Amino acid sequence: AQVTAFHVPSPILTRSRAARTGAAISGWQAAPVSSRRLGTFKFNDVPSSRGLQTPLSLSMNGGPVDKKVLLLCGDFMEDSEAMVPFQGLLSHGIKVDAVCPGKKAGDTCRTAIHDFEGDQTYTEKPGHNFALNADFDRVSVAEYDAIVIPGGRSPEYLALDPKVIGLVQGFNSAGKVVASICHGQQILSAAGILAGRRCTAYPAVGPVCKAAGAVWVDPSPIDMAVTDGNLVTAAAWPGHPQFIAQIVAALGLKVEGVNGKRLLMLCGDYMEDYEAMVPFQVMTSFGYTVDTVCPGKSSADTCKTAVHDFEGDQTYSEKVGHNFALNADFAKVSPGSYDGLIVPGGRAPEYLALDPQVTGLVEAFAAQGKPIASICHGQQILAATNVLRGKTCTAYPAVGPACKLAGANWVEPNPISMAVTDGLLVTAAAWPGHPEFLSQLNRVMGVHVSAAGAAPRATPAGFSLY
């Protein structure tokens, strides 16, 4: 089998900074099937693999790539190690079913945020509630092309479940892609599929991998991933870009059109955890260079993030998320050096919208004809500029009045997982919309996914960026 090991420099976490920052983001999911209320806006859409077609929607989900992946979940899996692969693969047009032993579609798994904050090992904080979209008991290996196993604390108990072990062995015996990250390799070791195979994992899982006969690859840098035949492994969430890219390659897919394109992400303290990490890591996995900046901070700094979730109250709850590491200096940013701008939501936009440097930067991207993609409360920043006037957009429902006052043609976010493209402007309402949001941004950027060897896809008739 061909063996490949490669990595990209990670702006989230470099090895020298690993001890003091865990940097990064965690996962979220659309609300469980039971209908919950967003102020006066009601939604019950579980994130799924089906495309969400609106008049301006250009979905890649469930598209011509014709691949289907199973995500093996469990309570207290690492938050970002569930959501980033889930939404990242959906953004590539791959169908993804998320299942958990003993649970059904519409149930949720609790997640854990693991981060490095100056202690001898990682800290744990409560993450988002992750909604499942399929039943574990109905899974058939024959229906899928790959299985993906997140890390966190769930693998240590899932490795004791004979059904889980049999499922993983079934994927491996069929020669299908088996991808696992961080502590997920505890399950691979128990399944007996590592003997003679090159793999990496979170360093503390190394001894069990070696005992299982693996050819151990030290995770240096921590953001690397390793492919050995049908086996793809990574050490921790900083490795998501390479992990996802290698899964996509192992499925026989290719990304076309990136061609050195660069994106700028506008960050701030208490931006929503998912809405920072998912776009950052997923777009990096496509091959973009993504620079993350924050006013008043430099590339040596971090931003705090917020976990926004719906847990039965009249509005979303907030918990402290990962520490997100910046990789560029805001003061040195030149819009001409980038091909597009991404604006995450959360609580950061309400104060960033007051900064003339921020609003000036957004207007400069618009004036230069560069794509702008904004999600959730990010549209508070756009509303403080002239960018929305005459444009069709959506946003988190509570931001609707500001968008309308700024002259936007408002689209109700129904379902909450939708996204809207109007020319070079891409907007979405909340993190359940990431797959549509990123798919549509890629379309605007001229990037697409296809089966290796397939002819390039033509732009749909009637579609224009202008």
Protein backbone atom coordinates (compact mmCIF):
# COMPACT_ATOMS: atom_id res chain seq x y z
CA ALA A 1 0.00 0.00 0.00
CA GLN A 2 1.14 3.50 -0.73
CA VAL A 3 2.17 5.34 2.42
CA THR A 4 1.95 9.11 2.61
CA ALA A 5 2.66 11.51 5.45
CA PHE A 6 2.37 15.24 4.92
CA HIS A 7 1.35 18.34 6.79
CA VAL A 8 0.71 22.05 6.47
CA PRO A 9 1.86 24.78 8.88
CA SER A 10 -1.00 25.35 11.28
CA PRO A 11 -1.93 28.88 12.25
CA ILE A 12 -4.00 27.42 15.04
CA LEU A 13 -1.30 25.64 16.90
CA THR A 14 2.39 25.37 16.29
CA ARG A 15 4.38 22.84 18.28
CA SER A 16 6.23 25.57 20.14
CA ARG A 17 2.90 27.03 21.28
CA ALA A 18 1.13 23.77 22.03
CA ALA A 19 1.86 23.91 25.74
CA ARG A 20 0.23 27.28 26.22
CA THR A 21 -2.57 27.40 23.67
CA GLY A 22 -4.92 24.73 22.51
CA ALA A 23 -6.12 27.26 20.03
CA ALA A 24 -9.10 26.44 17.97
CA ILE A 25 -12.70 25.71 17.75
CA SER A 26 -15.29 23.19 18.48
CA GLY A 27 -18.43 21.78 17.05
CA TRP A 28 -22.05 22.65 17.00
CA GLN A 29 -25.02 21.14 15.33
CA ALA A 30 -28.43 22.22 14.24
CA ALA A 31 -31.11 21.93 16.88
CA PRO A 32 -32.38 18.45 17.66
CA VAL A 33 -35.50 17.28 15.87
CA SER A 34 -37.69 18.48 18.70
CA SER A 35 -38.68 21.94 17.58
CA ARG A 36 -36.88 24.71 19.45
CA ARG A 37 -37.46 28.41 19.27
CA LEU A 38 -35.07 31.14 18.17
CA GLY A 39 -36.85 34.17 19.56
CA THR A 40 -39.90 34.12 17.29
CA PHE A 41 -38.13 31.95 14.72
CA LYS A 42 -38.71 28.23 14.94
CA PHE A 43 -36.41 25.60 13.52
CA ASN A 44 -36.17 21.83 13.66
CA ASP A 45 -33.68 21.05 10.90
CA VAL A 46 -31.07 18.48 11.87
CA PRO A 47 -27.86 18.94 9.84
CA SER A 48 -28.11 16.42 7.08
CA SER A 49 -26.55 15.45 3.80
CA ARG A 50 -29.37 16.75 1.65
CA GLY A 51 -28.92 19.94 -0.37
CA LEU A 52 -30.92 22.95 0.76
CA GLN A 53 -32.08 24.63 -2.42
CA THR A 54 -33.21 28.26 -2.33
CA PRO A 55 -33.42 30.62 -5.30
CA LEU A 56 -29.85 31.77 -4.69
CA SER A 57 -28.50 28.52 -3.25
CA LEU A 58 -25.77 26.58 -5.07
CA SER A 59 -25.40 23.44 -3.02
CA MET A 60 -22.51 20.97 -3.28
CA ASN A 61 -24.09 18.69 -0.70
CA GLY A 62 -25.13 15.34 -2.05
CA GLY A 63 -23.77 16.42 -5.43
CA PRO A 64 -21.99 14.58 -8.23
CA VAL A 65 -19.16 13.26 -6.06
CA ASP A 66 -21.52 10.45 -4.95
CA LYS A 67 -19.72 9.51 -1.74
CA LYS A 68 -21.15 8.71 1.67
CA VAL A 69 -19.37 8.72 5.04
CA LEU A 70 -20.34 7.44 8.49
CA LEU A 71 -19.34 9.56 11.51
CA LEU A 72 -19.08 7.45 14.68
CA CYS A 73 -20.11 9.60 17.64
CA GLY A 74 -20.33 9.23 21.39
CA ASP A 75 -20.97 11.37 24.45
CA PHE A 76 -18.06 13.68 25.28
CA MET A 77 -16.32 13.28 21.96
CA GLU A 78 -14.18 16.38 21.35
CA ASP A 79 -16.44 19.15 20.11
CA SER A 80 -14.42 20.31 17.10
CA GLU A 81 -13.35 16.76 16.20
CA ALA A 82 -17.00 15.96 15.57
CA MET A 83 -18.26 19.13 13.90
CA VAL A 84 -15.32 20.13 11.71
CA PRO A 85 -15.08 16.77 9.87
CA PHE A 86 -18.89 16.53 9.74
CA GLN A 87 -19.45 19.93 8.18
CA GLY A 88 -16.17 19.87 6.28
CA LEU A 89 -17.04 16.69 4.40
CA LEU A 90 -20.57 17.98 3.72
CA SER A 91 -18.96 21.11 2.26
CA HIS A 92 -17.07 18.87 -0.17
CA GLY A 93 -20.39 17.49 -1.40
CA ILE A 94 -20.04 14.24 0.54
CA LYS A 95 -23.07 12.78 2.32
CA VAL A 96 -22.45 12.26 6.05
CA ASP A 97 -24.49 10.23 8.54
CA ALA A 98 -23.74 10.84 12.23
CA VAL A 99 -24.60 7.91 14.53
CA CYS A 100 -24.06 6.81 18.13
CA PRO A 101 -24.59 3.40 19.75
CA GLY A 102 -27.82 3.39 21.75
CA LYS A 103 -29.13 6.55 20.10
CA LYS A 104 -31.23 7.47 17.08
CA ALA A 105 -31.59 10.29 14.58
CA GLY A 106 -32.70 13.42 16.42
CA ASP A 107 -30.90 12.47 19.63
CA THR A 108 -27.87 14.46 20.71
CA CYS A 109 -24.40 13.72 22.02
CA ARG A 110 -22.77 15.95 24.58
CA THR A 111 -19.31 17.14 23.59
CA ALA A 112 -16.14 18.21 25.38
CA ILE A 113 -13.83 21.09 24.54
CA HIS A 114 -10.23 20.06 25.06
CA ASP A 115 -7.71 22.88 25.13
CA PHE A 116 -4.26 23.70 26.47
CA GLU A 117 -4.31 26.51 29.00
CA GLY A 118 -1.00 26.21 30.85
CA ASP A 119 -1.52 22.93 32.72
CA GLN A 120 0.39 19.68 32.27
CA THR A 121 -2.44 18.25 30.17
CA TYR A 122 -5.51 19.57 28.39
CA THR A 123 -8.44 21.14 30.19
CA GLU A 124 -12.03 20.09 29.56
CA LYS A 125 -14.99 22.41 29.19
CA PRO A 126 -18.56 21.63 28.08
CA GLY A 127 -19.09 22.00 24.34
CA HIS A 128 -22.07 22.14 22.01
CA ASN A 129 -24.79 19.50 21.85
CA PHE A 130 -24.25 17.54 18.63
CA ALA A 131 -27.37 16.27 16.84
CA LEU A 132 -27.35 12.85 15.20
CA ASN A 133 -29.02 12.37 11.82
CA ALA A 134 -29.13 8.57 11.49
CA ASP A 135 -29.72 5.42 13.58
CA PHE A 136 -26.73 3.34 14.65
CA ASP A 137 -28.74 0.11 14.61
CA ARG A 138 -29.61 0.59 10.93
CA VAL A 139 -26.04 1.08 9.71
CA SER A 140 -24.79 -1.16 6.92
CA VAL A 141 -21.13 -1.03 5.89
CA ALA A 142 -22.18 -1.59 2.28
CA GLU A 143 -23.92 1.81 2.19
CA TYR A 144 -20.79 3.81 2.97
CA ASP A 145 -17.41 4.63 1.47
CA ALA A 146 -15.68 5.56 4.73
CA ILE A 147 -15.98 5.75 8.50
CA VAL A 148 -14.65 8.73 10.48
CA ILE A 149 -13.95 8.49 14.22
CA PRO A 150 -13.61 11.66 16.33
CA GLY A 151 -11.47 11.78 19.46
CA GLY A 152 -12.21 13.10 22.92
CA ARG A 153 -13.35 10.88 25.79
CA SER A 154 -15.92 8.80 23.93
CA PRO A 155 -13.45 6.38 22.24
CA GLU A 156 -12.33 4.85 25.54
CA TYR A 157 -15.82 3.49 26.22
CA LEU A 158 -16.84 2.91 22.60
CA ALA A 159 -13.79 0.63 22.30
CA LEU A 160 -15.55 -1.72 24.74
CA ASP A 161 -18.64 -2.12 22.53
CA PRO A 162 -18.54 -5.29 20.36
CA LYS A 163 -20.88 -3.67 17.82
CA VAL A 164 -18.51 -0.73 17.39
CA ILE A 165 -15.51 -3.03 17.04
CA GLY A 166 -17.32 -5.20 14.50
CA LEU A 167 -18.37 -2.13 12.52
CA VAL A 168 -14.81 -0.79 12.28
CA GLN A 169 -13.48 -4.21 11.35
CA GLY A 170 -16.15 -4.46 8.67
CA PHE A 171 -15.08 -1.18 7.05
CA ASN A 172 -11.43 -2.22 7.12
CA SER A 173 -12.08 -5.73 5.75
CA ALA A 174 -14.04 -4.22 2.88
CA GLY A 175 -11.09 -1.98 2.01
CA LYS A 176 -13.09 1.16 2.77
CA VAL A 177 -11.52 4.29 4.19
CA VAL A 178 -11.06 4.23 7.96
CA ALA A 179 -10.20 7.69 9.34
CA SER A 180 -9.57 8.42 13.00
CA ILE A 181 -8.22 11.38 14.96
CA CYS A 182 -6.72 11.96 18.40
CA HIS A 183 -8.07 9.39 20.93
CA GLY A 184 -10.16 7.71 18.23
CA GLN A 185 -7.23 5.38 17.65
CA GLN A 186 -8.14 3.66 20.93
CA ILE A 187 -10.98 2.09 18.95
CA LEU A 188 -8.68 1.13 16.06
CA SER A 189 -6.30 -0.55 18.49
CA ALA A 190 -9.13 -2.55 20.08
CA ALA A 191 -10.35 -3.55 16.62
CA GLY A 192 -6.97 -5.07 15.78
CA ILE A 193 -6.54 -3.25 12.48
CA LEU A 194 -3.28 -1.37 13.19
CA ALA A 195 -0.75 -4.21 12.98
CA GLY A 196 1.96 -3.28 10.48
CA ARG A 197 0.22 -0.01 9.58
CA ARG A 198 1.71 3.45 9.86
CA CYS A 199 -0.40 5.70 12.06
CA THR A 200 -0.27 8.67 14.37
CA ALA A 201 -2.53 9.74 17.25
CA TYR A 202 -2.62 11.98 20.28
CA PRO A 203 0.77 11.27 21.95
CA ALA A 204 -0.79 9.65 25.03
CA VAL A 205 -2.46 7.07 22.75
CA GLY A 206 0.90 6.11 21.24
CA PRO A 207 1.64 3.26 23.67
CA VAL A 208 -1.64 1.45 22.92
CA CYS A 209 -1.12 1.91 19.17
CA LYS A 210 2.36 0.40 19.44
CA ALA A 211 1.04 -2.46 21.57
CA ALA A 212 -1.49 -3.11 18.80
CA GLY A 213 1.38 -3.51 16.35
CA ALA A 214 1.22 -0.12 14.65
CA VAL A 215 4.23 1.47 13.00
CA TRP A 216 4.11 4.59 15.13
CA VAL A 217 4.57 8.03 13.55
CA ASP A 218 5.39 10.70 16.11
CA PRO A 219 2.94 13.62 15.68
CA SER A 220 5.51 16.30 15.02
CA PRO A 221 4.11 18.77 14.15
CA ILE A 222 0.83 18.19 15.94
CA ASP A 223 -1.16 19.28 12.88
CA MET A 224 0.06 16.46 10.65
CA ALA A 225 -1.93 13.52 9.30
CA VAL A 226 -0.80 10.16 7.91
CA THR A 227 -2.29 7.99 5.16
CA ASP A 228 -1.39 4.29 4.88
CA GLY A 229 -3.56 2.59 2.27
CA ASN A 230 -7.18 2.91 3.41
CA LEU A 231 -6.14 4.18 6.87
CA VAL A 232 -6.03 7.94 7.62
CA THR A 233 -5.00 9.15 11.09
CA ALA A 234 -4.29 12.48 12.75
CA ALA A 235 -3.16 13.52 16.22
CA ALA A 236 -5.51 16.29 17.31
CA TRP A 237 -7.89 18.95 16.05
CA PRO A 238 -5.13 21.26 14.76
CA GLY A 239 -4.64 18.55 12.13
CA HIS A 240 -8.17 18.83 10.71
CA PRO A 241 -7.09 20.52 7.45
CA GLN A 242 -4.73 17.67 6.54
CA PHE A 243 -7.05 15.03 8.02
CA ILE A 244 -9.99 16.17 5.87
CA ALA A 245 -7.83 16.69 2.78
CA GLN A 246 -6.41 13.17 3.04
CA ILE A 247 -9.87 11.64 3.58
CA VAL A 248 -11.09 13.43 0.47
CA ALA A 249 -8.08 12.18 -1.50
CA ALA A 250 -8.54 8.63 -0.18
CA LEU A 251 -12.14 8.76 -1.46
CA GLY A 252 -10.80 9.46 -4.94
CA LEU A 253 -11.90 13.09 -5.03
CA LYS A 254 -9.99 16.20 -6.02
CA VAL A 255 -10.39 19.92 -5.40
CA GLU A 256 -9.93 22.19 -8.38
CA GLY A 257 -9.69 25.95 -8.80
CA VAL A 258 -7.96 27.01 -5.58
CA ASN A 259 -4.76 27.99 -7.41
CA GLY A 260 -3.10 29.78 -4.50
CA LYS A 261 -6.18 31.78 -3.46
CA ARG A 262 -5.98 33.57 -0.12
CA LEU A 263 -8.77 34.37 2.34
CA LEU A 264 -8.82 36.76 5.28
CA MET A 265 -10.86 35.91 8.39
CA LEU A 266 -11.88 38.79 10.64
CA CYS A 267 -11.77 37.62 14.27
CA GLY A 268 -12.59 39.06 17.67
CA ASP A 269 -12.93 37.95 21.28
CA TYR A 270 -16.05 35.83 21.86
CA MET A 271 -16.74 35.12 18.22
CA GLU A 272 -18.73 31.88 18.05
CA ASP A 273 -16.44 28.86 18.41
CA TYR A 274 -17.76 26.86 15.43
CA GLU A 275 -18.15 29.93 13.25
CA ALA A 276 -14.45 30.59 13.53
CA MET A 277 -12.95 27.12 13.43
CA VAL A 278 -15.13 25.39 10.86
CA PRO A 279 -14.61 27.99 8.09
CA PHE A 280 -10.93 28.34 8.97
CA GLN A 281 -10.06 24.66 9.01
CA VAL A 282 -12.39 23.55 6.22
CA MET A 283 -11.29 26.24 3.77
CA THR A 284 -7.68 25.41 4.65
CA SER A 285 -8.46 21.76 3.85
CA PHE A 286 -9.59 22.85 0.37
CA GLY A 287 -6.13 24.33 -0.17
CA TYR A 288 -6.74 28.02 0.52
CA THR A 289 -4.32 30.05 2.60
CA VAL A 290 -6.48 31.51 5.39
CA ASP A 291 -5.09 34.37 7.47
CA THR A 292 -6.81 35.08 10.79
CA VAL A 293 -6.56 38.59 12.24
CA CYS A 294 -8.06 40.66 15.06
CA PRO A 295 -7.89 44.44 15.61
CA GLY A 296 -5.39 45.26 18.33
CA LYS A 297 -3.79 41.81 18.24
CA SER A 298 -0.91 40.17 16.41
CA SER A 299 -0.06 36.72 15.14
CA ALA A 300 1.28 35.76 18.57
CA ASP A 301 -2.10 36.31 20.21
CA THR A 302 -5.32 34.34 20.69
CA CYS A 303 -9.01 35.19 20.72
CA LYS A 304 -11.44 33.72 23.21
CA THR A 305 -14.48 32.06 21.66
CA ALA A 306 -18.06 31.46 22.77
CA VAL A 307 -20.16 28.30 22.46
CA HIS A 308 -23.68 29.32 21.49
CA ASP A 309 -26.30 26.61 21.72
CA PHE A 310 -30.01 26.13 22.33
CA GLU A 311 -30.73 24.31 25.56
CA GLY A 312 -34.40 25.05 26.30
CA ASP A 313 -34.22 28.78 27.04
CA GLN A 314 -35.79 31.64 25.09
CA THR A 315 -32.44 32.43 23.49
CA TYR A 316 -29.11 30.69 23.08
CA SER A 317 -26.90 29.84 26.03
CA GLU A 318 -23.23 30.80 26.12
CA LYS A 319 -20.24 28.85 27.39
CA VAL A 320 -16.52 29.51 26.99
CA GLY A 321 -15.05 27.81 23.92
CA HIS A 322 -11.55 27.08 22.64
CA ASN A 323 -8.78 29.66 22.50
CA PHE A 324 -8.34 30.51 18.82
CA ALA A 325 -4.81 31.40 17.72
CA LEU A 326 -4.30 34.17 15.19
CA ASN A 327 -1.74 33.76 12.43
CA ALA A 328 -1.37 37.28 11.00
CA ASP A 329 -1.28 40.91 12.12
CA PHE A 330 -4.36 43.06 11.59
CA ALA A 331 -2.24 46.20 11.27
CA LYS A 332 -0.40 44.73 8.26
CA VAL A 333 -3.47 43.61 6.31
CA SER A 334 -3.82 44.77 2.71
CA PRO A 335 -7.12 43.83 1.02
CA GLY A 336 -5.32 43.63 -2.30
CA SER A 337 -3.37 40.62 -1.02
CA TYR A 338 -6.52 38.53 -0.59
CA ASP A 339 -9.18 36.98 -2.78
CA GLY A 340 -12.02 37.02 -0.25
CA LEU A 341 -13.14 37.90 3.30
CA ILE A 342 -14.86 35.72 5.93
CA VAL A 343 -16.70 37.27 8.90
CA PRO A 344 -17.67 34.87 11.75
CA GLY A 345 -20.57 35.56 14.10
CA GLY A 346 -20.89 35.37 17.86
CA ARG A 347 -20.58 38.39 20.14
CA ALA A 348 -17.47 39.88 18.50
CA PRO A 349 -19.29 41.61 15.61
CA GLU A 350 -21.31 43.95 17.84
CA TYR A 351 -18.15 45.69 19.03
CA LEU A 352 -16.07 45.22 15.87
CA ALA A 353 -18.79 47.12 13.99
CA LEU A 354 -17.82 50.22 16.02
CA ASP A 355 -14.21 50.15 14.75
CA PRO A 356 -13.64 52.37 11.68
CA GLN A 357 -10.66 50.23 10.69
CA VAL A 358 -12.91 47.17 10.54
CA THR A 359 -15.72 48.81 8.58
CA GLY A 360 -13.17 50.42 6.28
CA LEU A 361 -11.58 47.03 5.64
CA VAL A 362 -14.93 45.47 4.74
CA GLU A 363 -15.78 48.34 2.39
CA ALA A 364 -12.35 48.03 0.74
CA PHE A 365 -13.01 44.36 -0.07
CA ALA A 366 -16.36 45.31 -1.58
CA ALA A 367 -14.88 48.21 -3.56
CA GLN A 368 -12.22 45.92 -5.02
CA GLY A 369 -14.82 43.37 -6.12
CA LYS A 370 -13.71 40.69 -3.65
CA PRO A 371 -16.17 38.07 -2.30
CA ILE A 372 -17.41 38.66 1.26
CA ALA A 373 -18.87 35.77 3.28
CA SER A 374 -20.54 36.55 6.61
CA ILE A 375 -22.49 34.35 9.01
CA CYS A 376 -24.89 34.81 11.92
CA HIS A 377 -24.15 38.06 13.83
CA GLY A 378 -21.31 38.88 11.41
CA GLN A 379 -23.87 40.82 9.40
CA GLN A 380 -23.88 43.43 12.19
CA ILE A 381 -20.52 44.52 10.76
CA LEU A 382 -21.84 44.55 7.20
CA ALA A 383 -24.86 46.58 8.33
CA ALA A 384 -22.49 49.25 9.67
CA THR A 385 -21.14 49.70 6.12
CA ASN A 386 -22.72 50.27 2.71
CA VAL A 387 -22.17 46.65 1.66
CA LEU A 388 -25.76 45.41 2.20
CA ARG A 389 -27.62 48.16 0.34
CA GLY A 390 -29.69 46.57 -2.42
CA LYS A 391 -28.28 43.11 -1.68
CA THR A 392 -30.25 39.98 -0.83
CA CYS A 393 -29.04 38.46 2.42
CA THR A 394 -29.93 36.42 5.48
CA ALA A 395 -28.53 36.40 9.02
CA TYR A 396 -29.36 35.28 12.53
CA PRO A 397 -33.02 36.36 12.93
CA ALA A 398 -32.23 38.94 15.61
CA VAL A 399 -29.89 40.69 13.15
CA GLY A 400 -32.67 41.00 10.58
CA PRO A 401 -33.79 44.51 11.63
CA ALA A 402 -30.24 45.87 11.27
CA CYS A 403 -29.90 44.30 7.82
CA LYS A 404 -33.21 45.80 6.68
CA LEU A 405 -32.24 49.23 8.02
CA ALA A 406 -28.99 48.95 6.05
CA GLY A 407 -31.02 48.53 2.86
CA ALA A 408 -30.79 44.76 2.41
CA ASN A 409 -33.42 42.60 0.76
CA TRP A 410 -34.08 40.33 3.72
CA VAL A 411 -34.47 36.55 3.40
CA GLU A 412 -35.95 34.74 6.39
CA PRO A 413 -33.55 31.95 7.43
CA ASN A 414 -35.95 29.06 7.00
CA PRO A 415 -34.48 26.49 7.37
CA ILE A 416 -31.78 27.79 9.69
CA SER A 417 -29.20 25.76 7.73
CA MET A 418 -29.69 27.74 4.52
CA ALA A 419 -27.30 30.22 2.92
CA VAL A 420 -27.83 32.91 0.31
CA THR A 421 -25.57 34.13 -2.49
CA ASP A 422 -26.13 37.49 -4.18
CA GLY A 423 -23.30 38.33 -6.55
CA LEU A 424 -20.12 38.37 -4.49
CA LEU A 425 -21.96 38.37 -1.15
CA VAL A 426 -22.55 35.07 0.68
CA THR A 427 -24.52 35.06 3.93
CA ALA A 428 -25.84 32.43 6.34
CA ALA A 429 -27.88 32.53 9.55
CA ALA A 430 -25.97 30.32 11.99
CA TRP A 431 -23.45 27.51 12.21
CA PRO A 432 -25.89 24.78 11.04
CA GLY A 433 -25.58 26.55 7.69
CA HIS A 434 -21.81 26.02 7.34
CA PRO A 435 -22.05 23.35 4.63
CA GLU A 436 -24.20 25.58 2.43
CA PHE A 437 -22.25 28.70 3.41
CA LEU A 438 -18.86 27.23 2.50
CA SER A 439 -20.15 25.45 -0.60
CA GLN A 440 -21.57 28.68 -1.93
CA LEU A 441 -18.40 30.60 -1.07
CA ASN A 442 -16.39 28.03 -2.99
CA ARG A 443 -18.71 28.42 -5.96
CA VAL A 444 -18.20 32.18 -5.95
CA MET A 445 -14.45 31.61 -5.68
CA GLY A 446 -14.49 29.25 -8.65
CA VAL A 447 -13.57 26.17 -6.62
CA HIS A 448 -15.25 22.77 -6.92
CA VAL A 449 -14.85 19.11 -5.98
CA SER A 450 -15.03 16.26 -8.47
CA ALA A 451 -14.07 12.62 -8.82
CA ALA A 452 -10.41 12.23 -9.78
CA GLY A 453 -10.17 12.15 -13.56
CA ALA A 454 -13.60 13.71 -14.09
CA ALA A 455 -14.03 16.53 -16.57
CA PRO A 456 -14.26 20.05 -15.05
CA ARG A 457 -17.82 21.11 -14.24
CA ALA A 458 -19.36 23.91 -16.24
CA THR A 459 -20.88 26.93 -14.55
CA PRO A 460 -24.69 26.54 -14.47
CA ALA A 461 -26.57 28.51 -17.09
CA GLY A 462 -27.79 31.83 -15.81
CA PHE A 463 -25.30 31.99 -12.94
CA SER A 464 -23.31 35.19 -12.64
CA LEU A 465 -21.08 36.63 -9.97
CA TYR A 466 -22.12 40.15 -10.89
